[in-house]
Amino acid sequence: MKLLLQSVFRQPKMFPKSYFPSSYFPPAMFPGGGWPSPLLLQSVVTPLAKTVDGQTIRIAMLPWQAILEEIEKNPAFLHNIDWRKLEELIAASYDAAGFEEVTLTPRSGDDGRDVIAVKRGLFTVRFFDQVKKFKPDHLVGPEDIREMIGTLAMDPNTSKGFVTTTSDFAPTIATNPKIQQFIPNRLELRNRERLTEWLHQADAELTTQPQP
């Protein structure tokens, strides 16, 4: 399918855009009505080794850059990409930021962890990231945060947990003392605005790293 789509994109007049199911190209994803870059259809990660937690990955540079450029042009892009693609994007961002071992967990049975990222040096940190692909009016609630806190409690070998969303967090979270006691040292909340900042920060780290 990927090869077929790439071939079609090289010769877009062969098929109208309506030839494909609308799930391939949600209208809101490309408001200009043009054809998306083939790079946006490719995985933003390259799988490496399978582990007990999932699969370690490395960033796929060309799709990564294409997605960041699309986010710059169309802020709504993050709301419309597939949920698994968003998890891949978050995993790729940790690799871009210099984490030596990044694991993308399975689509199901992930124990509340979508991404596991490990960075070693003078000290070692191990992060969990739980990704919530929600529409703008669907806020992440306290129950979602408590789920991550429970995940951290079940794995004492983890330094910190993140909850990342394309939406925002319910106002009651900021006034909940049982949640706030974990922020910011054991838990960090990343809404769409902070997610976009994180992606650009990770990309900046990537450009400063020595290339193999």
Protein backbone atom coordinates (compact mmCIF):
# COMPACT_ATOMS: atom_id res chain seq x y z
CA MET A 1 0.00 0.00 0.00
CA LYS A 2 2.80 2.42 0.88
CA LEU A 3 4.49 1.87 -2.51
CA LEU A 4 1.17 2.36 -4.29
CA LEU A 5 0.53 5.65 -2.50
CA GLN A 6 4.04 6.90 -3.23
CA SER A 7 3.56 6.05 -6.89
CA VAL A 8 0.25 7.89 -6.96
CA PHE A 9 1.77 10.97 -5.34
CA ARG A 10 4.43 11.11 -8.04
CA GLN A 11 1.63 11.16 -10.62
CA PRO A 12 -1.32 12.77 -8.83
CA LYS A 13 -3.42 13.19 -11.99
CA MET A 14 -3.73 9.41 -12.33
CA PHE A 15 -6.23 9.23 -9.46
CA PRO A 16 -8.46 11.85 -7.88
CA LYS A 17 -8.03 12.32 -4.15
CA SER A 18 -11.52 10.86 -3.70
CA TYR A 19 -10.16 7.52 -4.98
CA PHE A 20 -8.92 6.78 -1.46
CA PRO A 21 -11.05 6.31 1.68
CA SER A 22 -11.50 9.55 3.62
CA SER A 23 -9.69 7.98 6.59
CA TYR A 24 -6.42 8.32 4.67
CA PHE A 25 -6.80 12.07 4.31
CA PRO A 26 -9.13 13.67 6.89
CA PRO A 27 -10.21 17.01 5.34
CA ALA A 28 -9.11 18.98 8.40
CA MET A 29 -5.60 17.60 8.10
CA PHE A 30 -4.90 19.45 4.84
CA PRO A 31 -7.15 22.52 4.76
CA GLY A 32 -5.57 23.78 1.55
CA GLY A 33 -6.97 20.80 -0.31
CA GLY A 34 -3.60 19.80 -1.75
CA TRP A 35 -1.96 16.40 -1.84
CA PRO A 36 0.02 15.52 1.31
CA SER A 37 3.70 14.75 1.07
CA PRO A 38 4.40 10.99 0.82
CA LEU A 39 6.70 11.47 3.81
CA LEU A 40 3.66 12.17 6.00
CA LEU A 41 2.40 8.66 5.27
CA GLN A 42 5.63 7.01 6.34
CA SER A 43 6.45 5.93 9.88
CA VAL A 44 8.37 8.53 11.87
CA VAL A 45 10.28 5.75 13.65
CA THR A 46 12.48 2.88 12.53
CA PRO A 47 12.00 -0.30 14.60
CA LEU A 48 15.08 -1.89 16.12
CA ALA A 49 14.95 -4.71 18.68
CA LYS A 50 11.97 -6.26 20.42
CA THR A 51 12.00 -6.14 24.22
CA VAL A 52 9.70 -7.31 27.02
CA ASP A 53 8.13 -3.82 26.99
CA GLY A 54 7.72 -3.38 23.25
CA GLN A 55 10.13 -2.36 20.51
CA THR A 56 13.09 -0.01 20.64
CA ILE A 57 13.12 2.59 17.90
CA ARG A 58 15.20 5.26 16.21
CA ILE A 59 13.92 8.41 14.61
CA ALA A 60 13.21 8.40 10.86
CA MET A 61 14.62 11.77 9.86
CA LEU A 62 12.74 12.66 6.68
CA PRO A 63 9.21 11.91 7.99
CA TRP A 64 10.12 13.67 11.27
CA GLN A 65 11.07 16.86 9.44
CA ALA A 66 8.01 16.65 7.20
CA ILE A 67 5.67 16.39 10.19
CA LEU A 68 7.31 19.30 12.02
CA GLU A 69 6.98 21.43 8.90
CA GLU A 70 3.31 20.45 8.59
CA ILE A 71 2.68 21.41 12.23
CA GLU A 72 4.21 24.83 11.52
CA LYS A 73 1.86 25.34 8.57
CA ASN A 74 -1.23 23.79 10.11
CA PRO A 75 -1.55 23.81 13.94
CA ALA A 76 -4.61 21.52 13.70
CA PHE A 77 -2.46 18.77 12.24
CA LEU A 78 -1.77 17.21 15.65
CA HIS A 79 -5.51 16.81 16.26
CA ASN A 80 -6.05 14.89 13.06
CA ILE A 81 -3.21 12.43 12.76
CA ASP A 82 -3.80 8.83 13.75
CA TRP A 83 -3.36 8.09 17.47
CA ARG A 84 -0.63 5.53 16.80
CA LYS A 85 1.21 8.00 14.59
CA LEU A 86 1.14 10.45 17.50
CA GLU A 87 2.67 7.86 19.80
CA GLU A 88 5.39 7.25 17.22
CA LEU A 89 6.00 11.00 17.01
CA ILE A 90 6.44 11.26 20.79
CA ALA A 91 8.81 8.27 20.77
CA ALA A 92 10.83 9.86 17.96
CA SER A 93 11.06 13.11 19.94
CA TYR A 94 12.83 11.36 22.82
CA ASP A 95 15.35 9.88 20.40
CA ALA A 96 15.83 13.33 18.88
CA ALA A 97 16.41 14.76 22.37
CA GLY A 98 19.30 12.36 22.95
CA PHE A 99 17.74 9.50 24.92
CA GLU A 100 19.85 6.41 24.24
CA GLU A 101 17.05 3.85 24.52
CA VAL A 102 13.48 4.61 23.45
CA THR A 103 10.80 1.92 23.50
CA LEU A 104 7.43 2.15 21.77
CA THR A 105 5.04 -0.13 23.63
CA PRO A 106 2.40 -2.32 21.90
CA ARG A 107 -0.91 -0.93 20.69
CA SER A 108 -2.66 -2.70 23.56
CA GLY A 109 -1.55 -4.11 26.89
CA ASP A 110 0.96 -1.31 27.44
CA ASP A 111 0.31 -1.04 31.21
CA GLY A 112 -0.33 2.68 30.91
CA ARG A 113 2.97 3.39 29.17
CA ASP A 114 3.02 4.37 25.50
CA VAL A 115 6.69 5.38 25.41
CA ILE A 116 9.59 4.42 27.69
CA ALA A 117 12.72 6.57 27.37
CA VAL A 118 16.07 6.02 29.07
CA LYS A 119 18.99 8.45 29.18
CA ARG A 120 22.36 7.57 30.67
CA GLY A 121 25.31 9.73 31.70
CA LEU A 122 26.51 10.92 35.08
CA PHE A 123 23.15 9.56 36.22
CA THR A 124 20.41 7.52 34.57
CA VAL A 125 16.79 8.60 34.12
CA ARG A 126 13.90 6.47 32.93
CA PHE A 127 10.70 8.18 31.80
CA PHE A 128 7.22 6.91 31.03
CA ASP A 129 5.01 8.88 28.63
CA GLN A 130 1.30 8.27 28.31
CA VAL A 131 -0.09 9.86 25.15
CA LYS A 132 -3.69 11.10 24.97
CA LYS A 133 -4.82 11.94 21.44
CA PHE A 134 -7.92 14.00 22.22
CA LYS A 135 -9.94 16.63 20.37
CA PRO A 136 -9.64 20.23 21.68
CA ASP A 137 -12.89 20.02 23.68
CA HIS A 138 -12.00 16.68 25.29
CA LEU A 139 -9.94 17.49 28.37
CA VAL A 140 -7.71 15.02 30.18
CA GLY A 141 -9.34 14.39 33.54
CA PRO A 142 -8.05 13.56 37.02
CA GLU A 143 -8.76 9.86 36.50
CA ASP A 144 -6.26 9.80 33.62
CA ILE A 145 -3.61 11.41 35.82
CA ARG A 146 -4.29 9.00 38.66
CA GLU A 147 -3.75 6.17 36.19
CA MET A 148 -0.22 7.44 35.49
CA ILE A 149 0.47 7.88 39.21
CA GLY A 150 -0.58 4.27 39.71
CA THR A 151 1.71 3.19 36.88
CA LEU A 152 4.64 4.99 38.53
CA ALA A 153 3.86 3.35 41.86
CA MET A 154 3.95 -0.10 40.25
CA ASP A 155 7.41 0.52 38.78
CA PRO A 156 9.82 2.07 41.33
CA ASN A 157 12.63 1.94 38.76
CA THR A 158 11.06 4.84 36.90
CA SER A 159 12.26 8.40 37.46
CA LYS A 160 9.27 10.34 36.16
CA GLY A 161 6.01 10.09 34.26
CA PHE A 162 4.58 12.36 31.58
CA VAL A 163 1.03 12.67 30.34
CA THR A 164 1.05 14.22 26.88
CA THR A 165 -2.08 15.34 25.08
CA THR A 166 -3.17 17.15 21.94
CA SER A 167 -5.84 18.80 24.08
CA ASP A 168 -5.54 20.25 27.60
CA PHE A 169 -6.08 19.26 31.23
CA ALA A 170 -9.19 19.70 33.34
CA PRO A 171 -8.96 22.76 35.67
CA THR A 172 -9.63 20.59 38.73
CA ILE A 173 -6.22 18.93 38.31
CA ALA A 174 -4.45 22.15 39.28
CA THR A 175 -6.30 22.25 42.61
CA ASN A 176 -6.12 18.55 43.45
CA PRO A 177 -3.51 18.16 46.23
CA LYS A 178 -3.22 14.40 45.72
CA ILE A 179 -2.07 15.05 42.14
CA GLN A 180 -0.11 18.24 42.72
CA GLN A 181 2.18 16.57 45.25
CA PHE A 182 3.76 14.63 42.35
CA ILE A 183 4.30 17.68 40.12
CA PRO A 184 6.87 18.53 38.79
CA ASN A 185 9.51 16.09 40.07
CA ARG A 186 7.63 12.82 39.62
CA LEU A 187 4.95 13.85 37.14
CA GLU A 188 4.71 16.37 34.33
CA LEU A 189 1.69 17.35 32.25
CA ARG A 190 2.19 18.34 28.63
CA ASN A 191 -0.74 19.94 26.79
CA ARG A 192 -0.82 20.76 23.07
CA GLU A 193 1.06 24.04 23.50
CA ARG A 194 3.79 22.42 25.57
CA LEU A 195 3.85 19.43 23.22
CA THR A 196 4.59 21.70 20.27
CA GLU A 197 7.34 23.40 22.29
CA TRP A 198 8.79 20.02 23.23
CA LEU A 199 8.88 18.85 19.61
CA HIS A 200 10.80 21.96 18.57
CA GLN A 201 13.18 21.63 21.53
CA ALA A 202 13.83 18.00 20.65
CA ASP A 203 14.46 18.97 17.03
CA ALA A 204 16.93 21.65 18.18
CA GLU A 205 18.77 19.01 20.24
CA LEU A 206 18.86 16.76 17.20
CA THR A 207 20.52 19.38 15.04
CA THR A 208 23.30 19.86 17.61
CA GLN A 209 24.11 16.17 18.00
CA PRO A 210 27.10 14.78 16.09
CA GLN A 211 25.99 12.72 13.14
CA PRO A 212 27.28 9.13 12.80
